[in-house]
Amino acid sequence: MSMIDEIEKFMSSVDTSINYRTINLGGRGLYIEGIKSVVSFGESEMIFELRKKTLVVEGNSIRVKYLDKTTCVLEGEITAVMTR
C-alpha cells in the first residue's frame, strides 16, 4: 500500500476517486502518479497528459530524475503545479 493510499483513509469527506496524484516535496521536487504521456519538457516548464486533465509544472532547473509508464519524479525549483 502506498503512502498516498494511507493519507486518503483520513480524508473520508473528500472524493478520492481521482485519476492522478502529486506530492510537492518542499518546492525542491515533485512526485507525479497517473501520467498518460509527456507532452513537453524543459528546464522551466514540463507538461504531462493525465487521463482527464493536463498537468503543468513550472519552475527553474527542472529535470526528470525518474520516469516510467505512469510515474515521474522531478527535481529542481518547483514554483507552480497546475491542472487544466
PDB file of N, CA and C in Angstrom:
ATOM      1  N   MET A   1       0.855  -1.185   0.000  1.00  0.00           N
ATOM      2  CA  MET A   1       0.000   0.000   0.000  1.00  0.00           C
ATOM      3  C   MET A   1       0.894   1.238   0.000  1.00  0.00           C
ATOM      4  N   SER A   2       0.487   2.242  -0.764  1.00  0.00           N
ATOM      5  CA  SER A   2       1.291   3.453  -0.869  1.00  0.00           C
ATOM      6  C   SER A   2       0.981   4.428   0.259  1.00  0.00           C
ATOM      7  N   MET A   3       1.886   5.349   0.476  1.00  0.00           N
ATOM      8  CA  MET A   3       1.688   6.392   1.479  1.00  0.00           C
ATOM      9  C   MET A   3       0.451   7.219   1.146  1.00  0.00           C
ATOM     10  N   ILE A   4       0.238   7.473  -0.130  1.00  0.00           N
ATOM     11  CA  ILE A   4      -0.918   8.266  -0.537  1.00  0.00           C
ATOM     12  C   ILE A   4      -2.213   7.540  -0.204  1.00  0.00           C
ATOM     13  N   ASP A   5      -2.244   6.236  -0.400  1.00  0.00           N
ATOM     14  CA  ASP A   5      -3.429   5.457  -0.013  1.00  0.00           C
ATOM     15  C   ASP A   5      -3.710   5.606   1.471  1.00  0.00           C
ATOM     16  N   GLU A   6      -2.675   5.603   2.276  1.00  0.00           N
ATOM     17  CA  GLU A   6      -2.842   5.770   3.721  1.00  0.00           C
ATOM     18  C   GLU A   6      -3.393   7.155   4.060  1.00  0.00           C
ATOM     19  N   ILE A   7      -2.914   8.176   3.392  1.00  0.00           N
ATOM     20  CA  ILE A   7      -3.406   9.542   3.621  1.00  0.00           C
ATOM     21  C   ILE A   7      -4.883   9.644   3.251  1.00  0.00           C
ATOM     22  N   GLU A   8      -5.264   9.012   2.142  1.00  0.00           N
ATOM     23  CA  GLU A   8      -6.651   9.070   1.697  1.00  0.00           C
ATOM     24  C   GLU A   8      -7.618   8.461   2.703  1.00  0.00           C
ATOM     25  N   LYS A   9      -7.165   7.528   3.500  1.00  0.00           N
ATOM     26  CA  LYS A   9      -8.017   6.937   4.541  1.00  0.00           C
ATOM     27  C   LYS A   9      -8.481   7.994   5.542  1.00  0.00           C
ATOM     28  N   PHE A  10      -7.666   9.015   5.780  1.00  0.00           N
ATOM     29  CA  PHE A  10      -8.001  10.079   6.717  1.00  0.00           C
ATOM     30  C   PHE A  10      -8.929  11.118   6.090  1.00  0.00           C
ATOM     31  N   MET A  11      -9.113  11.058   4.783  1.00  0.00           N
ATOM     32  CA  MET A  11      -9.873  12.071   4.060  1.00  0.00           C
ATOM     33  C   MET A  11     -11.235  11.528   3.635  1.00  0.00           C
ATOM     34  N   SER A  12     -11.987  11.001   4.550  1.00  0.00           N
ATOM     35  CA  SER A  12     -13.250  10.345   4.216  1.00  0.00           C
ATOM     36  C   SER A  12     -14.273  11.297   3.609  1.00  0.00           C
ATOM     37  N   SER A  13     -14.186  12.596   3.871  1.00  0.00           N
ATOM     38  CA  SER A  13     -15.159  13.547   3.327  1.00  0.00           C
ATOM     39  C   SER A  13     -14.759  14.071   1.949  1.00  0.00           C
ATOM     40  N   VAL A  14     -13.605  13.650   1.440  1.00  0.00           N
ATOM     41  CA  VAL A  14     -13.118  14.126   0.151  1.00  0.00           C
ATOM     42  C   VAL A  14     -13.241  13.001  -0.874  1.00  0.00           C
ATOM     43  N   ASP A  15     -13.707  13.341  -2.079  1.00  0.00           N
ATOM     44  CA  ASP A  15     -13.773  12.352  -3.150  1.00  0.00           C
ATOM     45  C   ASP A  15     -12.356  12.039  -3.602  1.00  0.00           C
ATOM     46  N   THR A  16     -11.889  10.838  -3.301  1.00  0.00           N
ATOM     47  CA  THR A  16     -10.518  10.460  -3.638  1.00  0.00           C
ATOM     48  C   THR A  16     -10.454   9.574  -4.881  1.00  0.00           C
ATOM     49  N   SER A  17     -11.521   9.532  -5.648  1.00  0.00           N
ATOM     50  CA  SER A  17     -11.525   8.717  -6.864  1.00  0.00           C
ATOM     51  C   SER A  17     -10.921   9.505  -8.030  1.00  0.00           C
ATOM     52  N   ILE A  18      -9.798  10.142  -7.772  1.00  0.00           N
ATOM     53  CA  ILE A  18      -9.121  10.945  -8.785  1.00  0.00           C
ATOM     54  C   ILE A  18      -8.230  10.045  -9.635  1.00  0.00           C
ATOM     55  N   ASN A  19      -7.817  10.564 -10.761  1.00  0.00           N
ATOM     56  CA  ASN A  19      -7.024   9.770 -11.679  1.00  0.00           C
ATOM     57  C   ASN A  19      -5.548  10.104 -11.677  1.00  0.00           C
ATOM     58  N   TYR A  20      -5.149  11.008 -10.807  1.00  0.00           N
ATOM     59  CA  TYR A  20      -3.734  11.343 -10.701  1.00  0.00           C
ATOM     60  C   TYR A  20      -3.434  11.781  -9.269  1.00  0.00           C
ATOM     61  N   ARG A  21      -2.148  11.777  -8.930  1.00  0.00           N
ATOM     62  CA  ARG A  21      -1.710  12.205  -7.600  1.00  0.00           C
ATOM     63  C   ARG A  21      -0.388  12.937  -7.750  1.00  0.00           C
ATOM     64  N   THR A  22      -0.191  13.959  -6.916  1.00  0.00           N
ATOM     65  CA  THR A  22       1.094  14.654  -6.871  1.00  0.00           C
ATOM     66  C   THR A  22       1.492  14.880  -5.425  1.00  0.00           C
ATOM     67  N   ILE A  23       2.772  14.884  -5.190  1.00  0.00           N
ATOM     68  CA  ILE A  23       3.317  15.260  -3.889  1.00  0.00           C
ATOM     69  C   ILE A  23       4.436  16.256  -4.160  1.00  0.00           C
ATOM     70  N   ASN A  24       4.270  17.474  -3.639  1.00  0.00           N
ATOM     71  CA  ASN A  24       5.293  18.506  -3.762  1.00  0.00           C
ATOM     72  C   ASN A  24       6.235  18.342  -2.576  1.00  0.00           C
ATOM     73  N   LEU A  25       7.486  18.150  -2.860  1.00  0.00           N
ATOM     74  CA  LEU A  25       8.489  17.905  -1.829  1.00  0.00           C
ATOM     75  C   LEU A  25       9.216  19.200  -1.489  1.00  0.00           C
ATOM     76  N   GLY A  26       8.498  20.088  -0.812  1.00  0.00           N
ATOM     77  CA  GLY A  26       9.077  21.347  -0.349  1.00  0.00           C
ATOM     78  C   GLY A  26       9.529  22.292  -1.440  1.00  0.00           C
ATOM     79  N   GLY A  27       8.921  22.188  -2.611  1.00  0.00           N
ATOM     80  CA  GLY A  27       9.312  23.062  -3.714  1.00  0.00           C
ATOM     81  C   GLY A  27      10.628  22.681  -4.372  1.00  0.00           C
ATOM     82  N   ARG A  28      11.225  21.579  -3.939  1.00  0.00           N
ATOM     83  CA  ARG A  28      12.510  21.142  -4.500  1.00  0.00           C
ATOM     84  C   ARG A  28      12.364  19.890  -5.354  1.00  0.00           C
ATOM     85  N   GLY A  29      11.193  19.272  -5.300  1.00  0.00           N
ATOM     86  CA  GLY A  29      10.943  18.083  -6.098  1.00  0.00           C
ATOM     87  C   GLY A  29       9.452  17.827  -6.182  1.00  0.00           C
ATOM     88  N   LEU A  30       9.064  16.994  -7.136  1.00  0.00           N
ATOM     89  CA  LEU A  30       7.652  16.697  -7.331  1.00  0.00           C
ATOM     90  C   LEU A  30       7.505  15.248  -7.762  1.00  0.00           C
ATOM     91  N   TYR A  31       6.615  14.533  -7.081  1.00  0.00           N
ATOM     92  CA  TYR A  31       6.253  13.159  -7.428  1.00  0.00           C
ATOM     93  C   TYR A  31       4.907  13.226  -8.139  1.00  0.00           C
ATOM     94  N   ILE A  32       4.782  12.590  -9.299  1.00  0.00           N
ATOM     95  CA  ILE A  32       3.545  12.588 -10.072  1.00  0.00           C
ATOM     96  C   ILE A  32       3.175  11.146 -10.387  1.00  0.00           C
ATOM     97  N   GLU A  33       1.922  10.800 -10.155  1.00  0.00           N
ATOM     98  CA  GLU A  33       1.412   9.465 -10.423  1.00  0.00           C
ATOM     99  C   GLU A  33       0.159   9.611 -11.287  1.00  0.00           C
ATOM    100  N   GLY A  34       0.013   8.781 -12.314  1.00  0.00           N
ATOM    101  CA  GLY A  34      -1.158   8.833 -13.173  1.00  0.00           C
ATOM    102  C   GLY A  34      -0.903   9.481 -14.516  1.00  0.00           C
ATOM    103  N   ILE A  35       0.346   9.503 -14.932  1.00  0.00           N
ATOM    104  CA  ILE A  35       0.718  10.115 -16.216  1.00  0.00           C
ATOM    105  C   ILE A  35       0.312   9.195 -17.360  1.00  0.00           C
ATOM    106  N   LYS A  36      -0.252   9.801 -18.386  1.00  0.00           N
ATOM    107  CA  LYS A  36      -0.553   9.080 -19.619  1.00  0.00           C
ATOM    108  C   LYS A  36       0.559   9.274 -20.639  1.00  0.00           C
ATOM    109  N   SER A  37       1.064  10.523 -20.740  1.00  0.00           N
ATOM    110  CA  SER A  37       2.176  10.805 -21.644  1.00  0.00           C
ATOM    111  C   SER A  37       2.836  12.128 -21.262  1.00  0.00           C
ATOM    112  N   VAL A  38       4.047  12.308 -21.751  1.00  0.00           N
ATOM    113  CA  VAL A  38       4.766  13.572 -21.576  1.00  0.00           C
ATOM    114  C   VAL A  38       4.503  14.394 -22.825  1.00  0.00           C
ATOM    115  N   VAL A  39       3.934  15.587 -22.652  1.00  0.00           N
ATOM    116  CA  VAL A  39       3.609  16.463 -23.771  1.00  0.00           C
ATOM    117  C   VAL A  39       4.839  17.283 -24.154  1.00  0.00           C
ATOM    118  N   SER A  40       5.479  17.896 -23.148  1.00  0.00           N
ATOM    119  CA  SER A  40       6.698  18.670 -23.398  1.00  0.00           C
ATOM    120  C   SER A  40       7.503  18.759 -22.116  1.00  0.00           C
ATOM    121  N   PHE A  41       8.799  18.979 -22.274  1.00  0.00           N
ATOM    122  CA  PHE A  41       9.639  19.147 -21.097  1.00  0.00           C
ATOM    123  C   PHE A  41      10.765  20.114 -21.392  1.00  0.00           C
ATOM    124  N   GLY A  42      11.104  20.867 -20.373  1.00  0.00           N
ATOM    125  CA  GLY A  42      12.190  21.828 -20.448  1.00  0.00           C
ATOM    126  C   GLY A  42      12.601  22.197 -19.035  1.00  0.00           C
ATOM    127  N   GLU A  43      13.609  23.008 -18.903  1.00  0.00           N
ATOM    128  CA  GLU A  43      14.110  23.366 -17.571  1.00  0.00           C
ATOM    129  C   GLU A  43      13.158  24.269 -16.798  1.00  0.00           C
ATOM    130  N   SER A  44      12.260  24.977 -17.492  1.00  0.00           N
ATOM    131  CA  SER A  44      11.361  25.901 -16.790  1.00  0.00           C
ATOM    132  C   SER A  44       9.899  25.478 -16.831  1.00  0.00           C
ATOM    133  N   GLU A  45       9.556  24.515 -17.695  1.00  0.00           N
ATOM    134  CA  GLU A  45       8.167  24.042 -17.750  1.00  0.00           C
ATOM    135  C   GLU A  45       8.116  22.622 -18.287  1.00  0.00           C
ATOM    136  N   MET A  46       7.282  21.806 -17.651  1.00  0.00           N
ATOM    137  CA  MET A  46       7.014  20.454 -18.135  1.00  0.00           C
ATOM    138  C   MET A  46       5.506  20.262 -18.148  1.00  0.00           C
ATOM    139  N   ILE A  47       5.021  19.589 -19.193  1.00  0.00           N
ATOM    140  CA  ILE A  47       3.590  19.367 -19.339  1.00  0.00           C
ATOM    141  C   ILE A  47       3.344  17.871 -19.508  1.00  0.00           C
ATOM    142  N   PHE A  48       2.393  17.364 -18.717  1.00  0.00           N
ATOM    143  CA  PHE A  48       2.057  15.949 -18.737  1.00  0.00           C
ATOM    144  C   PHE A  48       0.578  15.774 -19.051  1.00  0.00           C
ATOM    145  N   GLU A  49       0.269  14.806 -19.898  1.00  0.00           N
ATOM    146  CA  GLU A  49      -1.120  14.458 -20.150  1.00  0.00           C
ATOM    147  C   GLU A  49      -1.528  13.423 -19.113  1.00  0.00           C
ATOM    148  N   LEU A  50      -2.622  13.705 -18.423  1.00  0.00           N
ATOM    149  CA  LEU A  50      -3.200  12.776 -17.464  1.00  0.00           C
ATOM    150  C   LEU A  50      -4.427  12.150 -18.113  1.00  0.00           C
ATOM    151  N   ARG A  51      -5.171  11.347 -17.403  1.00  0.00           N
ATOM    152  CA  ARG A  51      -6.352  10.712 -18.008  1.00  0.00           C
ATOM    153  C   ARG A  51      -7.408  11.724 -18.418  1.00  0.00           C
ATOM    154  N   LYS A  52      -7.707  12.669 -17.554  1.00  0.00           N
ATOM    155  CA  LYS A  52      -8.780  13.614 -17.842  1.00  0.00           C
ATOM    156  C   LYS A  52      -8.318  15.070 -17.863  1.00  0.00           C
ATOM    157  N   LYS A  53      -7.064  15.322 -17.551  1.00  0.00           N
ATOM    158  CA  LYS A  53      -6.563  16.692 -17.456  1.00  0.00           C
ATOM    159  C   LYS A  53      -5.139  16.762 -17.986  1.00  0.00           C
ATOM    160  N   THR A  54      -4.627  17.980 -18.015  1.00  0.00           N
ATOM    161  CA  THR A  54      -3.226  18.220 -18.328  1.00  0.00           C
ATOM    162  C   THR A  54      -2.581  18.831 -17.096  1.00  0.00           C
ATOM    163  N   LEU A  55      -1.394  18.366 -16.744  1.00  0.00           N
ATOM    164  CA  LEU A  55      -0.665  18.879 -15.588  1.00  0.00           C
ATOM    165  C   LEU A  55       0.504  19.716 -16.090  1.00  0.00           C
ATOM    166  N   VAL A  56       0.587  20.957 -15.626  1.00  0.00           N
ATOM    167  CA  VAL A  56       1.672  21.857 -15.998  1.00  0.00           C
ATOM    168  C   VAL A  56       2.517  22.123 -14.761  1.00  0.00           C
ATOM    169  N   VAL A  57       3.811  21.903 -14.878  1.00  0.00           N
ATOM    170  CA  VAL A  57       4.754  22.146 -13.790  1.00  0.00           C
ATOM    171  C   VAL A  57       5.697  23.250 -14.240  1.00  0.00           C
ATOM    172  N   GLU A  58       5.794  24.301 -13.433  1.00  0.00           N
ATOM    173  CA  GLU A  58       6.692  25.410 -13.746  1.00  0.00           C
ATOM    174  C   GLU A  58       7.756  25.527 -12.667  1.00  0.00           C
ATOM    175  N   GLY A  59       8.913  26.053 -13.051  1.00  0.00           N
ATOM    176  CA  GLY A  59       9.986  26.235 -12.089  1.00  0.00           C
ATOM    177  C   GLY A  59      11.300  26.588 -12.767  1.00  0.00           C
ATOM    178  N   ASN A  60      12.372  26.293 -12.075  1.00  0.00           N
ATOM    179  CA  ASN A  60      13.723  26.582 -12.561  1.00  0.00           C
ATOM    180  C   ASN A  60      14.590  25.343 -12.415  1.00  0.00           C
ATOM    181  N   SER A  61      15.396  25.105 -13.403  1.00  0.00           N
ATOM    182  CA  SER A  61      16.323  23.962 -13.410  1.00  0.00           C
ATOM    183  C   SER A  61      15.599  22.643 -13.132  1.00  0.00           C
ATOM    184  N   ILE A  62      14.414  22.477 -13.704  1.00  0.00           N
ATOM    185  CA  ILE A  62      13.655  21.236 -13.509  1.00  0.00           C
ATOM    186  C   ILE A  62      14.273  20.139 -14.373  1.00  0.00           C
ATOM    187  N   ARG A  63      14.426  18.978 -13.796  1.00  0.00           N
ATOM    188  CA  ARG A  63      14.928  17.829 -14.543  1.00  0.00           C
ATOM    189  C   ARG A  63      14.223  16.563 -14.069  1.00  0.00           C
ATOM    190  N   VAL A  64      14.117  15.607 -14.960  1.00  0.00           N
ATOM    191  CA  VAL A  64      13.485  14.333 -14.657  1.00  0.00           C
ATOM    192  C   VAL A  64      14.498  13.443 -13.956  1.00  0.00           C
ATOM    193  N   LYS A  65      14.147  12.980 -12.771  1.00  0.00           N
ATOM    194  CA  LYS A  65      15.016  12.048 -12.033  1.00  0.00           C
ATOM    195  C   LYS A  65      14.571  10.610 -12.227  1.00  0.00           C
ATOM    196  N   TYR A  66      13.261  10.420 -12.465  1.00  0.00           N
ATOM    197  CA  TYR A  66      12.716   9.076 -12.664  1.00  0.00           C
ATOM    198  C   TYR A  66      11.479   9.192 -13.529  1.00  0.00           C
ATOM    199  N   LEU A  67      11.321   8.267 -14.472  1.00  0.00           N
ATOM    200  CA  LEU A  67      10.138   8.259 -15.329  1.00  0.00           C
ATOM    201  C   LEU A  67       9.854   6.827 -15.759  1.00  0.00           C
ATOM    202  N   ASP A  68       8.611   6.385 -15.537  1.00  0.00           N
ATOM    203  CA  ASP A  68       8.177   5.119 -16.107  1.00  0.00           C
ATOM    204  C   ASP A  68       6.840   5.352 -16.796  1.00  0.00           C
ATOM    205  N   LYS A  69       6.061   4.323 -17.047  1.00  0.00           N
ATOM    206  CA  LYS A  69       4.826   4.474 -17.826  1.00  0.00           C
ATOM    207  C   LYS A  69       3.811   5.414 -17.201  1.00  0.00           C
ATOM    208  N   THR A  70       3.730   5.456 -15.872  1.00  0.00           N
ATOM    209  CA  THR A  70       2.686   6.259 -15.216  1.00  0.00           C
ATOM    210  C   THR A  70       3.193   7.164 -14.103  1.00  0.00           C
ATOM    211  N   THR A  71       4.474   7.110 -13.792  1.00  0.00           N
ATOM    212  CA  THR A  71       5.021   7.824 -12.638  1.00  0.00           C
ATOM    213  C   THR A  71       6.248   8.639 -13.046  1.00  0.00           C
ATOM    214  N   CYS A  72       6.398   9.795 -12.414  1.00  0.00           N
ATOM    215  CA  CYS A  72       7.550  10.648 -12.692  1.00  0.00           C
ATOM    216  C   CYS A  72       8.000  11.330 -11.400  1.00  0.00           C
ATOM    217  N   VAL A  73       9.289  11.509 -11.251  1.00  0.00           N
ATOM    218  CA  VAL A  73       9.856  12.290 -10.160  1.00  0.00           C
ATOM    219  C   VAL A  73      10.704  13.394 -10.792  1.00  0.00           C
ATOM    220  N   LEU A  74      10.372  14.628 -10.427  1.00  0.00           N
ATOM    221  CA  LEU A  74      11.103  15.789 -10.922  1.00  0.00           C
ATOM    222  C   LEU A  74      11.936  16.385  -9.806  1.00  0.00           C
ATOM    223  N   GLU A  75      13.053  17.002 -10.175  1.00  0.00           N
ATOM    224  CA  GLU A  75      13.911  17.673  -9.212  1.00  0.00           C
ATOM    225  C   GLU A  75      14.209  19.067  -9.744  1.00  0.00           C
ATOM    226  N   GLY A  76      14.303  20.030  -8.863  1.00  0.00           N
ATOM    227  CA  GLY A  76      14.578  21.406  -9.232  1.00  0.00           C
ATOM    228  C   GLY A  76      13.743  22.332  -8.375  1.00  0.00           C
ATOM    229  N   GLU A  77      13.693  23.582  -8.735  1.00  0.00           N
ATOM    230  CA  GLU A  77      12.877  24.553  -8.011  1.00  0.00           C
ATOM    231  C   GLU A  77      11.479  24.546  -8.630  1.00  0.00           C
ATOM    232  N   ILE A  78      10.518  23.965  -7.929  1.00  0.00           N
ATOM    233  CA  ILE A  78       9.139  23.875  -8.409  1.00  0.00           C
ATOM    234  C   ILE A  78       8.390  25.101  -7.901  1.00  0.00           C
ATOM    235  N   THR A  79       7.919  25.952  -8.820  1.00  0.00           N
ATOM    236  CA  THR A  79       7.229  27.172  -8.410  1.00  0.00           C
ATOM    237  C   THR A  79       5.723  27.098  -8.591  1.00  0.00           C
ATOM    238  N   ALA A  80       5.238  26.223  -9.479  1.00  0.00           N
ATOM    239  CA  ALA A  80       3.797  26.103  -9.696  1.00  0.00           C
ATOM    240  C   ALA A  80       3.464  24.717 -10.264  1.00  0.00           C
ATOM    241  N   VAL A  81       2.325  24.192  -9.798  1.00  0.00           N
ATOM    242  CA  VAL A  81       1.782  22.931 -10.327  1.00  0.00           C
ATOM    243  C   VAL A  81       0.298  23.206 -10.579  1.00  0.00           C
ATOM    244  N   MET A  82      -0.119  23.098 -11.844  1.00  0.00           N
ATOM    245  CA  MET A  82      -1.498  23.455 -12.194  1.00  0.00           C
ATOM    246  C   MET A  82      -2.106  22.392 -13.103  1.00  0.00           C
ATOM    247  N   THR A  83      -3.415  22.225 -13.015  1.00  0.00           N
ATOM    248  CA  THR A  83      -4.115  21.367 -13.959  1.00  0.00           C
ATOM    249  C   THR A  83      -5.023  22.229 -14.822  1.00  0.00           C
ATOM    250  N   ARG A  84      -5.255  21.736 -16.020  1.00  0.00           N
ATOM    251  CA  ARG A  84      -6.201  22.409 -16.918  1.00  0.00           C
ATOM    252  C   ARG A  84      -6.941  21.385 -17.723  1.00  0.00           C
TER     253      ARG A  84
END
